Amino acid sequence: RTDTPVPLPKSYIDGMVSYMSGNIHKVCDAGRLYISIQPDGAVIPCSTRDDVILGNLIKERLEMIIDRERSMIMRIAEHCDGCWLTCTTGISLTFREPTEIIRSYWRMKSKIRTTTF
């Protein structure tokens, strides 16, 4: 289903305003909290960074790739210009503020219950 609401931390929604006005507060855990695996097995630190291939799951295990490329992964996150994607920033903020996602979920659920169609 594409119409299923997704709870996000309030800080993600608030941060969107700053991001859109060019005042980005960078929140990046690429390669540390999440990675992206491409259809061809390529492991990249972030879905927006397909120019940086850490390894390939067809050729080696993920643990080996992460262990070998740990220092590169840290540099990539440090030098990231930042973004405000739900698939990255939303995850990072959720792990930084785990109780906020619960509050967001309950706010969303109560809105769904009180909305009539």
PDB file of N, CA and C in Angstrom:
ATOM      1  N   ARG A   1       0.829  -1.185   0.000  1.00  0.00           N
ATOM      2  CA  ARG A   1       0.000   0.000   0.000  1.00  0.00           C
ATOM      3  C   ARG A   1       0.870   1.243   0.000  1.00  0.00           C
ATOM      4  N   THR A   2       0.497   2.197  -0.758  1.00  0.00           N
ATOM      5  CA  THR A   2       1.243   3.451  -0.788  1.00  0.00           C
ATOM      6  C   THR A   2       0.597   4.538   0.060  1.00  0.00           C
ATOM      7  N   ASP A   3      -0.594   4.287   0.577  1.00  0.00           N
ATOM      8  CA  ASP A   3      -1.276   5.305   1.373  1.00  0.00           C
ATOM      9  C   ASP A   3      -1.120   5.087   2.873  1.00  0.00           C
ATOM     10  N   THR A   4      -0.243   4.186   3.291  1.00  0.00           N
ATOM     11  CA  THR A   4      -0.027   3.915   4.697  1.00  0.00           C
ATOM     12  C   THR A   4       0.839   5.008   5.311  1.00  0.00           C
ATOM     13  N   PRO A   5       0.352   5.693   6.352  1.00  0.00           N
ATOM     14  CA  PRO A   5       1.152   6.744   6.981  1.00  0.00           C
ATOM     15  C   PRO A   5       2.387   6.157   7.659  1.00  0.00           C
ATOM     16  N   VAL A   6       3.454   6.915   7.675  1.00  0.00           N
ATOM     17  CA  VAL A   6       4.699   6.502   8.312  1.00  0.00           C
ATOM     18  C   VAL A   6       5.006   7.498   9.421  1.00  0.00           C
ATOM     19  N   PRO A   7       5.110   7.024  10.671  1.00  0.00           N
ATOM     20  CA  PRO A   7       5.430   7.963  11.743  1.00  0.00           C
ATOM     21  C   PRO A   7       6.886   8.411  11.645  1.00  0.00           C
ATOM     22  N   LEU A   8       7.115   9.694  11.843  1.00  0.00           N
ATOM     23  CA  LEU A   8       8.460  10.259  11.843  1.00  0.00           C
ATOM     24  C   LEU A   8       8.629  11.094  13.099  1.00  0.00           C
ATOM     25  N   PRO A   9       9.868  11.215  13.586  1.00  0.00           N
ATOM     26  CA  PRO A   9      10.074  12.089  14.745  1.00  0.00           C
ATOM     27  C   PRO A   9       9.668  13.524  14.404  1.00  0.00           C
ATOM     28  N   LYS A  10       9.133  14.232  15.381  1.00  0.00           N
ATOM     29  CA  LYS A  10       8.750  15.630  15.177  1.00  0.00           C
ATOM     30  C   LYS A  10       9.956  16.451  14.716  1.00  0.00           C
ATOM     31  N   SER A  11      11.137  16.106  15.199  1.00  0.00           N
ATOM     32  CA  SER A  11      12.346  16.842  14.807  1.00  0.00           C
ATOM     33  C   SER A  11      12.614  16.714  13.310  1.00  0.00           C
ATOM     34  N   TYR A  12      12.161  15.621  12.698  1.00  0.00           N
ATOM     35  CA  TYR A  12      12.325  15.476  11.247  1.00  0.00           C
ATOM     36  C   TYR A  12      11.436  16.486  10.520  1.00  0.00           C
ATOM     37  N   ILE A  13      10.206  16.594  10.952  1.00  0.00           N
ATOM     38  CA  ILE A  13       9.271  17.539  10.336  1.00  0.00           C
ATOM     39  C   ILE A  13       9.751  18.974  10.574  1.00  0.00           C
ATOM     40  N   ASP A  14      10.149  19.284  11.810  1.00  0.00           N
ATOM     41  CA  ASP A  14      10.655  20.622  12.125  1.00  0.00           C
ATOM     42  C   ASP A  14      11.913  20.937  11.319  1.00  0.00           C
ATOM     43  N   GLY A  15      12.781  19.956  11.180  1.00  0.00           N
ATOM     44  CA  GLY A  15      14.028  20.149  10.437  1.00  0.00           C
ATOM     45  C   GLY A  15      13.808  20.373   8.957  1.00  0.00           C
ATOM     46  N   MET A  16      12.703  19.874   8.435  1.00  0.00           N
ATOM     47  CA  MET A  16      12.397  20.048   7.015  1.00  0.00           C
ATOM     48  C   MET A  16      12.291  21.537   6.669  1.00  0.00           C
ATOM     49  N   VAL A  17      11.731  22.317   7.572  1.00  0.00           N
ATOM     50  CA  VAL A  17      11.609  23.760   7.348  1.00  0.00           C
ATOM     51  C   VAL A  17      12.996  24.384   7.221  1.00  0.00           C
ATOM     52  N   SER A  18      13.898  24.027   8.121  1.00  0.00           N
ATOM     53  CA  SER A  18      15.272  24.543   8.064  1.00  0.00           C
ATOM     54  C   SER A  18      15.962  24.096   6.794  1.00  0.00           C
ATOM     55  N   TYR A  19      15.778  22.843   6.444  1.00  0.00           N
ATOM     56  CA  TYR A  19      16.415  22.306   5.239  1.00  0.00           C
ATOM     57  C   TYR A  19      15.947  23.057   3.995  1.00  0.00           C
ATOM     58  N   MET A  20      14.651  23.267   3.893  1.00  0.00           N
ATOM     59  CA  MET A  20      14.099  23.946   2.719  1.00  0.00           C
ATOM     60  C   MET A  20      14.556  25.403   2.630  1.00  0.00           C
ATOM     61  N   SER A  21      14.884  26.000   3.766  1.00  0.00           N
ATOM     62  CA  SER A  21      15.358  27.388   3.753  1.00  0.00           C
ATOM     63  C   SER A  21      16.879  27.469   3.635  1.00  0.00           C
ATOM     64  N   GLY A  22      17.530  26.323   3.480  1.00  0.00           N
ATOM     65  CA  GLY A  22      18.977  26.297   3.282  1.00  0.00           C
ATOM     66  C   GLY A  22      19.790  26.246   4.558  1.00  0.00           C
ATOM     67  N   ASN A  23      19.135  26.128   5.692  1.00  0.00           N
ATOM     68  CA  ASN A  23      19.831  26.048   6.981  1.00  0.00           C
ATOM     69  C   ASN A  23      19.832  24.609   7.473  1.00  0.00           C
ATOM     70  N   ILE A  24      20.567  23.766   6.778  1.00  0.00           N
ATOM     71  CA  ILE A  24      20.538  22.341   7.093  1.00  0.00           C
ATOM     72  C   ILE A  24      21.327  22.034   8.358  1.00  0.00           C
ATOM     73  N   HIS A  25      20.730  21.210   9.186  1.00  0.00           N
ATOM     74  CA  HIS A  25      21.414  20.647  10.339  1.00  0.00           C
ATOM     75  C   HIS A  25      21.748  19.217   9.939  1.00  0.00           C
ATOM     76  N   LYS A  26      23.002  18.971   9.613  1.00  0.00           N
ATOM     77  CA  LYS A  26      23.388  17.672   9.065  1.00  0.00           C
ATOM     78  C   LYS A  26      23.244  16.564  10.101  1.00  0.00           C
ATOM     79  N   VAL A  27      22.550  15.530   9.708  1.00  0.00           N
ATOM     80  CA  VAL A  27      22.377  14.337  10.517  1.00  0.00           C
ATOM     81  C   VAL A  27      22.698  13.168   9.599  1.00  0.00           C
ATOM     82  N   CYS A  28      23.895  12.616   9.725  1.00  0.00           N
ATOM     83  CA  CYS A  28      24.299  11.552   8.803  1.00  0.00           C
ATOM     84  C   CYS A  28      24.933  10.389   9.553  1.00  0.00           C
ATOM     85  N   ASP A  29      24.372   9.221   9.384  1.00  0.00           N
ATOM     86  CA  ASP A  29      24.917   7.998   9.956  1.00  0.00           C
ATOM     87  C   ASP A  29      25.174   6.966   8.860  1.00  0.00           C
ATOM     88  N   ALA A  30      25.399   7.457   7.648  1.00  0.00           N
ATOM     89  CA  ALA A  30      25.628   6.564   6.506  1.00  0.00           C
ATOM     90  C   ALA A  30      26.790   5.619   6.786  1.00  0.00           C
ATOM     91  N   GLY A  31      26.551   4.353   6.553  1.00  0.00           N
ATOM     92  CA  GLY A  31      27.576   3.346   6.750  1.00  0.00           C
ATOM     93  C   GLY A  31      27.726   2.886   8.183  1.00  0.00           C
ATOM     94  N   ARG A  32      27.182   3.634   9.106  1.00  0.00           N
ATOM     95  CA  ARG A  32      27.256   3.250  10.517  1.00  0.00           C
ATOM     96  C   ARG A  32      25.928   2.693  10.998  1.00  0.00           C
ATOM     97  N   LEU A  33      24.850   3.373  10.645  1.00  0.00           N
ATOM     98  CA  LEU A  33      23.518   2.954  11.076  1.00  0.00           C
ATOM     99  C   LEU A  33      22.749   2.290   9.945  1.00  0.00           C
ATOM    100  N   TYR A  34      23.093   2.634   8.726  1.00  0.00           N
ATOM    101  CA  TYR A  34      22.427   2.056   7.557  1.00  0.00           C
ATOM    102  C   TYR A  34      23.381   2.046   6.377  1.00  0.00           C
ATOM    103  N   ILE A  35      23.100   1.150   5.459  1.00  0.00           N
ATOM    104  CA  ILE A  35      23.826   1.059   4.191  1.00  0.00           C
ATOM    105  C   ILE A  35      22.790   0.790   3.111  1.00  0.00           C
ATOM    106  N   SER A  36      23.224   0.832   1.888  1.00  0.00           N
ATOM    107  CA  SER A  36      22.332   0.506   0.783  1.00  0.00           C
ATOM    108  C   SER A  36      22.963  -0.623  -0.024  1.00  0.00           C
ATOM    109  N   ILE A  37      22.159  -1.571  -0.404  1.00  0.00           N
ATOM    110  CA  ILE A  37      22.633  -2.683  -1.231  1.00  0.00           C
ATOM    111  C   ILE A  37      21.917  -2.595  -2.570  1.00  0.00           C
ATOM    112  N   GLN A  38      22.690  -2.459  -3.608  1.00  0.00           N
ATOM    113  CA  GLN A  38      22.169  -2.314  -4.960  1.00  0.00           C
ATOM    114  C   GLN A  38      21.761  -3.676  -5.529  1.00  0.00           C
ATOM    115  N   PRO A  39      20.923  -3.695  -6.561  1.00  0.00           N
ATOM    116  CA  PRO A  39      20.483  -4.958  -7.161  1.00  0.00           C
ATOM    117  C   PRO A  39      21.633  -5.844  -7.648  1.00  0.00           C
ATOM    118  N   ASP A  40      22.760  -5.246  -8.023  1.00  0.00           N
ATOM    119  CA  ASP A  40      23.901  -6.037  -8.495  1.00  0.00           C
ATOM    120  C   ASP A  40      24.807  -6.508  -7.364  1.00  0.00           C
ATOM    121  N   GLY A  41      24.402  -6.264  -6.101  1.00  0.00           N
ATOM    122  CA  GLY A  41      25.180  -6.698  -4.946  1.00  0.00           C
ATOM    123  C   GLY A  41      26.125  -5.641  -4.408  1.00  0.00           C
ATOM    124  N   ALA A  42      26.246  -4.511  -5.092  1.00  0.00           N
ATOM    125  CA  ALA A  42      27.138  -3.443  -4.630  1.00  0.00           C
ATOM    126  C   ALA A  42      26.643  -2.886  -3.297  1.00  0.00           C
ATOM    127  N   VAL A  43      27.576  -2.710  -2.373  1.00  0.00           N
ATOM    128  CA  VAL A  43      27.273  -2.140  -1.069  1.00  0.00           C
ATOM    129  C   VAL A  43      27.745  -0.693  -1.082  1.00  0.00           C
ATOM    130  N   ILE A  44      26.819   0.224  -0.858  1.00  0.00           N
ATOM    131  CA  ILE A  44      27.163   1.643  -0.826  1.00  0.00           C
ATOM    132  C   ILE A  44      26.724   2.206   0.529  1.00  0.00           C
ATOM    133  N   PRO A  45      27.398   3.239   1.019  1.00  0.00           N
ATOM    134  CA  PRO A  45      27.097   3.741   2.359  1.00  0.00           C
ATOM    135  C   PRO A  45      25.735   4.415   2.478  1.00  0.00           C
ATOM    136  N   CYS A  46      25.224   4.909   1.354  1.00  0.00           N
ATOM    137  CA  CYS A  46      23.979   5.670   1.361  1.00  0.00           C
ATOM    138  C   CYS A  46      23.372   5.591  -0.036  1.00  0.00           C
ATOM    139  N   SER A  47      22.069   5.599  -0.104  1.00  0.00           N
ATOM    140  CA  SER A  47      21.422   5.479  -1.414  1.00  0.00           C
ATOM    141  C   SER A  47      21.706   6.666  -2.326  1.00  0.00           C
ATOM    142  N   THR A  48      22.168   7.771  -1.764  1.00  0.00           N
ATOM    143  CA  THR A  48      22.507   8.932  -2.594  1.00  0.00           C
ATOM    144  C   THR A  48      23.964   8.924  -3.042  1.00  0.00           C
ATOM    145  N   ARG A  49      24.757   7.968  -2.546  1.00  0.00           N
ATOM    146  CA  ARG A  49      26.184   7.941  -2.852  1.00  0.00           C
ATOM    147  C   ARG A  49      26.563   6.676  -3.622  1.00  0.00           C
ATOM    148  N   ASP A  50      25.970   6.504  -4.795  1.00  0.00           N
ATOM    149  CA  ASP A  50      26.313   5.321  -5.590  1.00  0.00           C
ATOM    150  C   ASP A  50      27.668   5.466  -6.276  1.00  0.00           C
ATOM    151  N   ASP A  51      28.337   6.599  -6.053  1.00  0.00           N
ATOM    152  CA  ASP A  51      29.691   6.783  -6.577  1.00  0.00           C
ATOM    153  C   ASP A  51      30.734   6.136  -5.667  1.00  0.00           C
ATOM    154  N   VAL A  52      30.331   5.742  -4.455  1.00  0.00           N
ATOM    155  CA  VAL A  52      31.249   5.124  -3.498  1.00  0.00           C
ATOM    156  C   VAL A  52      30.810   3.685  -3.267  1.00  0.00           C
ATOM    157  N   ILE A  53      31.529   2.747  -3.853  1.00  0.00           N
ATOM    158  CA  ILE A  53      31.205   1.329  -3.684  1.00  0.00           C
ATOM    159  C   ILE A  53      32.162   0.738  -2.660  1.00  0.00           C
ATOM    160  N   LEU A  54      31.603   0.246  -1.565  1.00  0.00           N
ATOM    161  CA  LEU A  54      32.410  -0.324  -0.492  1.00  0.00           C
ATOM    162  C   LEU A  54      32.824  -1.753  -0.790  1.00  0.00           C
ATOM    163  N   GLY A  55      32.018  -2.462  -1.533  1.00  0.00           N
ATOM    164  CA  GLY A  55      32.289  -3.851  -1.865  1.00  0.00           C
ATOM    165  C   GLY A  55      31.085  -4.436  -2.578  1.00  0.00           C
ATOM    166  N   ASN A  56      31.093  -5.764  -2.709  1.00  0.00           N
ATOM    167  CA  ASN A  56      30.006  -6.434  -3.410  1.00  0.00           C
ATOM    168  C   ASN A  56      29.658  -7.727  -2.688  1.00  0.00           C
ATOM    169  N   LEU A  57      28.382  -7.894  -2.362  1.00  0.00           N
ATOM    170  CA  LEU A  57      27.934  -9.076  -1.616  1.00  0.00           C
ATOM    171  C   LEU A  57      28.054 -10.365  -2.410  1.00  0.00           C
ATOM    172  N   ILE A  58      28.144 -10.261  -3.710  1.00  0.00           N
ATOM    173  CA  ILE A  58      28.318 -11.464  -4.517  1.00  0.00           C
ATOM    174  C   ILE A  58      29.726 -12.028  -4.317  1.00  0.00           C
ATOM    175  N   LYS A  59      30.675 -11.149  -4.024  1.00  0.00           N
ATOM    176  CA  LYS A  59      32.074 -11.555  -3.895  1.00  0.00           C
ATOM    177  C   LYS A  59      32.529 -11.777  -2.460  1.00  0.00           C
ATOM    178  N   GLU A  60      31.896 -11.116  -1.489  1.00  0.00           N
ATOM    179  CA  GLU A  60      32.333 -11.255  -0.098  1.00  0.00           C
ATOM    180  C   GLU A  60      31.192 -10.955   0.869  1.00  0.00           C
ATOM    181  N   ARG A  61      31.403 -11.363   2.113  1.00  0.00           N
ATOM    182  CA  ARG A  61      30.384 -11.173   3.145  1.00  0.00           C
ATOM    183  C   ARG A  61      30.345  -9.718   3.603  1.00  0.00           C
ATOM    184  N   LEU A  62      29.175  -9.283   4.039  1.00  0.00           N
ATOM    185  CA  LEU A  62      28.984  -7.908   4.483  1.00  0.00           C
ATOM    186  C   LEU A  62      29.924  -7.550   5.634  1.00  0.00           C
ATOM    187  N   GLU A  63      30.103  -8.467   6.583  1.00  0.00           N
ATOM    188  CA  GLU A  63      30.980  -8.202   7.720  1.00  0.00           C
ATOM    189  C   GLU A  63      32.395  -7.879   7.261  1.00  0.00           C
ATOM    190  N   MET A  64      32.875  -8.589   6.252  1.00  0.00           N
ATOM    191  CA  MET A  64      34.225  -8.347   5.731  1.00  0.00           C
ATOM    192  C   MET A  64      34.309  -6.962   5.087  1.00  0.00           C
ATOM    193  N   ILE A  65      33.285  -6.598   4.342  1.00  0.00           N
ATOM    194  CA  ILE A  65      33.267  -5.287   3.679  1.00  0.00           C
ATOM    195  C   ILE A  65      33.292  -4.172   4.722  1.00  0.00           C
ATOM    196  N   ILE A  66      32.438  -4.286   5.728  1.00  0.00           N
ATOM    197  CA  ILE A  66      32.351  -3.253   6.767  1.00  0.00           C
ATOM    198  C   ILE A  66      33.671  -3.153   7.532  1.00  0.00           C
ATOM    199  N   ASP A  67      34.231  -4.287   7.931  1.00  0.00           N
ATOM    200  CA  ASP A  67      35.501  -4.271   8.670  1.00  0.00           C
ATOM    201  C   ASP A  67      36.610  -3.633   7.846  1.00  0.00           C
ATOM    202  N   ARG A  68      36.687  -3.975   6.578  1.00  0.00           N
ATOM    203  CA  ARG A  68      37.756  -3.462   5.715  1.00  0.00           C
ATOM    204  C   ARG A  68      37.597  -1.973   5.440  1.00  0.00           C
ATOM    205  N   GLU A  69      36.377  -1.523   5.278  1.00  0.00           N
ATOM    206  CA  GLU A  69      36.128  -0.145   4.851  1.00  0.00           C
ATOM    207  C   GLU A  69      35.681   0.788   5.981  1.00  0.00           C
ATOM    208  N   ARG A  70      35.875   0.367   7.215  1.00  0.00           N
ATOM    209  CA  ARG A  70      35.396   1.153   8.360  1.00  0.00           C
ATOM    210  C   ARG A  70      35.888   2.603   8.342  1.00  0.00           C
ATOM    211  N   SER A  71      37.167   2.827   8.068  1.00  0.00           N
ATOM    212  CA  SER A  71      37.691   4.202   8.078  1.00  0.00           C
ATOM    213  C   SER A  71      37.097   5.027   6.932  1.00  0.00           C
ATOM    214  N   MET A  72      36.897   4.410   5.768  1.00  0.00           N
ATOM    215  CA  MET A  72      36.282   5.139   4.655  1.00  0.00           C
ATOM    216  C   MET A  72      34.835   5.495   4.995  1.00  0.00           C
ATOM    217  N   ILE A  73      34.147   4.586   5.635  1.00  0.00           N
ATOM    218  CA  ILE A  73      32.756   4.828   6.017  1.00  0.00           C
ATOM    219  C   ILE A  73      32.663   6.040   6.939  1.00  0.00           C
ATOM    220  N   MET A  74      33.566   6.140   7.900  1.00  0.00           N
ATOM    221  CA  MET A  74      33.567   7.273   8.826  1.00  0.00           C
ATOM    222  C   MET A  74      33.843   8.578   8.088  1.00  0.00           C
ATOM    223  N   ARG A  75      34.776   8.573   7.160  1.00  0.00           N
ATOM    224  CA  ARG A  75      35.106   9.789   6.405  1.00  0.00           C
ATOM    225  C   ARG A  75      33.926  10.240   5.542  1.00  0.00           C
ATOM    226  N   ILE A  76      33.238   9.288   4.951  1.00  0.00           N
ATOM    227  CA  ILE A  76      32.099   9.625   4.087  1.00  0.00           C
ATOM    228  C   ILE A  76      31.033  10.368   4.889  1.00  0.00           C
ATOM    229  N   ALA A  77      30.697   9.860   6.065  1.00  0.00           N
ATOM    230  CA  ALA A  77      29.684  10.515   6.894  1.00  0.00           C
ATOM    231  C   ALA A  77      30.159  11.890   7.357  1.00  0.00           C
ATOM    232  N   GLU A  78      31.434  12.005   7.700  1.00  0.00           N
ATOM    233  CA  GLU A  78      31.964  13.290   8.163  1.00  0.00           C
ATOM    234  C   GLU A  78      31.941  14.344   7.065  1.00  0.00           C
ATOM    235  N   HIS A  79      32.194  13.947   5.828  1.00  0.00           N
ATOM    236  CA  HIS A  79      32.284  14.894   4.720  1.00  0.00           C
ATOM    237  C   HIS A  79      30.987  15.014   3.915  1.00  0.00           C
ATOM    238  N   CYS A  80      29.948  14.386   4.395  1.00  0.00           N
ATOM    239  CA  CYS A  80      28.656  14.456   3.715  1.00  0.00           C
ATOM    240  C   CYS A  80      28.114  15.883   3.776  1.00  0.00           C
ATOM    241  N   ASP A  81      27.567  16.349   2.671  1.00  0.00           N
ATOM    242  CA  ASP A  81      26.959  17.682   2.646  1.00  0.00           C
ATOM    243  C   ASP A  81      25.619  17.704   3.373  1.00  0.00           C
ATOM    244  N   GLY A  82      25.063  16.545   3.583  1.00  0.00           N
ATOM    245  CA  GLY A  82      23.791  16.450   4.276  1.00  0.00           C
ATOM    246  C   GLY A  82      22.618  16.373   3.318  1.00  0.00           C
ATOM    247  N   CYS A  83      21.573  15.790   3.784  1.00  0.00           N
ATOM    248  CA  CYS A  83      20.329  15.686   3.032  1.00  0.00           C
ATOM    249  C   CYS A  83      19.204  15.635   4.049  1.00  0.00           C
ATOM    250  N   TRP A  84      18.018  15.481   3.600  1.00  0.00           N
ATOM    251  CA  TRP A  84      16.892  15.361   4.526  1.00  0.00           C
ATOM    252  C   TRP A  84      15.944  14.295   4.005  1.00  0.00           C
ATOM    253  N   LEU A  85      16.517  13.140   3.669  1.00  0.00           N
ATOM    254  CA  LEU A  85      15.730  12.028   3.145  1.00  0.00           C
ATOM    255  C   LEU A  85      15.119  11.227   4.284  1.00  0.00           C
ATOM    256  N   THR A  86      13.911  10.779   4.090  1.00  0.00           N
ATOM    257  CA  THR A  86      13.244   9.964   5.099  1.00  0.00           C
ATOM    258  C   THR A  86      14.012   8.680   5.362  1.00  0.00           C
ATOM    259  N   CYS A  87      14.577   8.092   4.307  1.00  0.00           N
ATOM    260  CA  CYS A  87      15.250   6.800   4.449  1.00  0.00           C
ATOM    261  C   CYS A  87      16.581   6.905   5.188  1.00  0.00           C
ATOM    262  N   THR A  88      17.126   8.108   5.350  1.00  0.00           N
ATOM    263  CA  THR A  88      18.391   8.254   6.070  1.00  0.00           C
ATOM    264  C   THR A  88      18.213   9.129   7.307  1.00  0.00           C
ATOM    265  N   THR A  89      17.853  10.364   7.117  1.00  0.00           N
ATOM    266  CA  THR A  89      17.725  11.291   8.242  1.00  0.00           C
ATOM    267  C   THR A  89      16.627  10.846   9.196  1.00  0.00           C
ATOM    268  N   GLY A  90      15.518  10.374   8.654  1.00  0.00           N
ATOM    269  CA  GLY A  90      14.436   9.883   9.507  1.00  0.00           C
ATOM    270  C   GLY A  90      14.898   8.750  10.409  1.00  0.00           C
ATOM    271  N   ILE A  91      15.696   7.841   9.869  1.00  0.00           N
ATOM    272  CA  ILE A  91      16.238   6.731  10.660  1.00  0.00           C
ATOM    273  C   ILE A  91      17.197   7.257  11.718  1.00  0.00           C
ATOM    274  N   SER A  92      18.103   8.148  11.321  1.00  0.00           N
ATOM    275  CA  SER A  92      19.078   8.696  12.266  1.00  0.00           C
ATOM    276  C   SER A  92      18.389   9.404  13.425  1.00  0.00           C
ATOM    277  N   LEU A  93      17.408  10.234  13.130  1.00  0.00           N
ATOM    278  CA  LEU A  93      16.698  10.953  14.189  1.00  0.00           C
ATOM    279  C   LEU A  93      15.910  10.005  15.082  1.00  0.00           C
ATOM    280  N   THR A  94      15.352   8.960  14.507  1.00  0.00           N
ATOM    281  CA  THR A  94      14.616   7.978  15.299  1.00  0.00           C
ATOM    282  C   THR A  94      15.534   7.307  16.312  1.00  0.00           C
ATOM    283  N   PHE A  95      16.759   6.970  15.907  1.00  0.00           N
ATOM    284  CA  PHE A  95      17.689   6.340  16.833  1.00  0.00           C
ATOM    285  C   PHE A  95      18.223   7.331  17.861  1.00  0.00           C
ATOM    286  N   ARG A  96      18.285   8.599  17.524  1.00  0.00           N
ATOM    287  CA  ARG A  96      18.719   9.620  18.483  1.00  0.00           C
ATOM    288  C   ARG A  96      17.605   9.953  19.476  1.00  0.00           C
ATOM    289  N   GLU A  97      16.359   9.839  19.051  1.00  0.00           N
ATOM    290  CA  GLU A  97      15.202  10.207  19.871  1.00  0.00           C
ATOM    291  C   GLU A  97      14.162   9.084  19.829  1.00  0.00           C
ATOM    292  N   PRO A  98      14.482   7.925  20.384  1.00  0.00           N
ATOM    293  CA  PRO A  98      13.570   6.780  20.229  1.00  0.00           C
ATOM    294  C   PRO A  98      12.178   6.991  20.816  1.00  0.00           C
ATOM    295  N   THR A  99      12.054   7.753  21.883  1.00  0.00           N
ATOM    296  CA  THR A  99      10.710   7.943  22.444  1.00  0.00           C
ATOM    297  C   THR A  99       9.870   8.884  21.591  1.00  0.00           C
ATOM    298  N   GLU A 100      10.511   9.758  20.832  1.00  0.00           N
ATOM    299  CA  GLU A 100       9.771  10.693  19.977  1.00  0.00           C
ATOM    300  C   GLU A 100       8.994   9.949  18.893  1.00  0.00           C
ATOM    301  N   ILE A 101       9.547   8.868  18.368  1.00  0.00           N
ATOM    302  CA  ILE A 101       8.853   8.116  17.319  1.00  0.00           C
ATOM    303  C   ILE A 101       7.587   7.468  17.889  1.00  0.00           C
ATOM    304  N   ILE A 102       7.634   7.086  19.158  1.00  0.00           N
ATOM    305  CA  ILE A 102       6.454   6.500  19.795  1.00  0.00           C
ATOM    306  C   ILE A 102       5.365   7.568  19.939  1.00  0.00           C
ATOM    307  N   ARG A 103       5.763   8.759  20.401  1.00  0.00           N
ATOM    308  CA  ARG A 103       4.790   9.856  20.509  1.00  0.00           C
ATOM    309  C   ARG A 103       4.210  10.202  19.139  1.00  0.00           C
ATOM    310  N   SER A 104       5.073  10.234  18.130  1.00  0.00           N
ATOM    311  CA  SER A 104       4.633  10.547  16.767  1.00  0.00           C
ATOM    312  C   SER A 104       3.636   9.502  16.271  1.00  0.00           C
ATOM    313  N   TYR A 105       3.920   8.246  16.555  1.00  0.00           N
ATOM    314  CA  TYR A 105       3.035   7.159  16.143  1.00  0.00           C
ATOM    315  C   TYR A 105       1.655   7.327  16.781  1.00  0.00           C
ATOM    316  N   TRP A 106       1.618   7.616  18.082  1.00  0.00           N
ATOM    317  CA  TRP A 106       0.333   7.746  18.766  1.00  0.00           C
ATOM    318  C   TRP A 106      -0.428   8.979  18.303  1.00  0.00           C
ATOM    319  N   ARG A 107       0.285  10.080  18.012  1.00  0.00           N
ATOM    320  CA  ARG A 107      -0.391  11.258  17.452  1.00  0.00           C
ATOM    321  C   ARG A 107      -1.026  10.906  16.107  1.00  0.00           C
ATOM    322  N   MET A 108      -0.262  10.177  15.293  1.00  0.00           N
ATOM    323  CA  MET A 108      -0.748   9.788  13.972  1.00  0.00           C
ATOM    324  C   MET A 108      -1.970   8.874  14.108  1.00  0.00           C
ATOM    325  N   LYS A 109      -1.891   7.885  15.009  1.00  0.00           N
ATOM    326  CA  LYS A 109      -3.008   6.956  15.209  1.00  0.00           C
ATOM    327  C   LYS A 109      -4.263   7.695  15.665  1.00  0.00           C
ATOM    328  N   SER A 110      -4.110   8.660  16.562  1.00  0.00           N
ATOM    329  CA  SER A 110      -5.294   9.374  17.049  1.00  0.00           C
ATOM    330  C   SER A 110      -5.898  10.236  15.944  1.00  0.00           C
ATOM    331  N   LYS A 111      -5.086  10.791  15.054  1.00  0.00           N
ATOM    332  CA  LYS A 111      -5.614  11.562  13.929  1.00  0.00           C
ATOM    333  C   LYS A 111      -6.381  10.662  12.971  1.00  0.00           C
ATOM    334  N   ILE A 112      -5.857   9.466  12.739  1.00  0.00           N
ATOM    335  CA  ILE A 112      -6.529   8.529  11.833  1.00  0.00           C
ATOM    336  C   ILE A 112      -7.885   8.130  12.413  1.00  0.00           C
ATOM    337  N   ARG A 113      -7.934   7.891  13.729  1.00  0.00           N
ATOM    338  CA  ARG A 113      -9.185   7.490  14.365  1.00  0.00           C
ATOM    339  C   ARG A 113     -10.230   8.593  14.346  1.00  0.00           C
ATOM    340  N   THR A 114      -9.784   9.847  14.449  1.00  0.00           N
ATOM    341  CA  THR A 114     -10.747  10.952  14.509  1.00  0.00           C
ATOM    342  C   THR A 114     -11.112  11.496  13.137  1.00  0.00           C
ATOM    343  N   THR A 115     -10.420  11.053  12.108  1.00  0.00           N
ATOM    344  CA  THR A 115     -10.714  11.516  10.752  1.00  0.00           C
ATOM    345  C   THR A 115     -11.846  10.689  10.165  1.00  0.00           C
ATOM    346  N   THR A 116     -12.810  11.367   9.595  1.00  0.00           N
ATOM    347  CA  THR A 116     -13.888  10.651   8.913  1.00  0.00           C
ATOM    348  C   THR A 116     -13.704  10.816   7.416  1.00  0.00           C
ATOM    349  N   PHE A 117     -14.021   9.797   6.696  1.00  0.00           N
ATOM    350  CA  PHE A 117     -13.830   9.810   5.237  1.00  0.00           C
ATOM    351  C   PHE A 117     -15.150   9.919   4.533  1.00  0.00           C
TER     352      PHE A 117
END
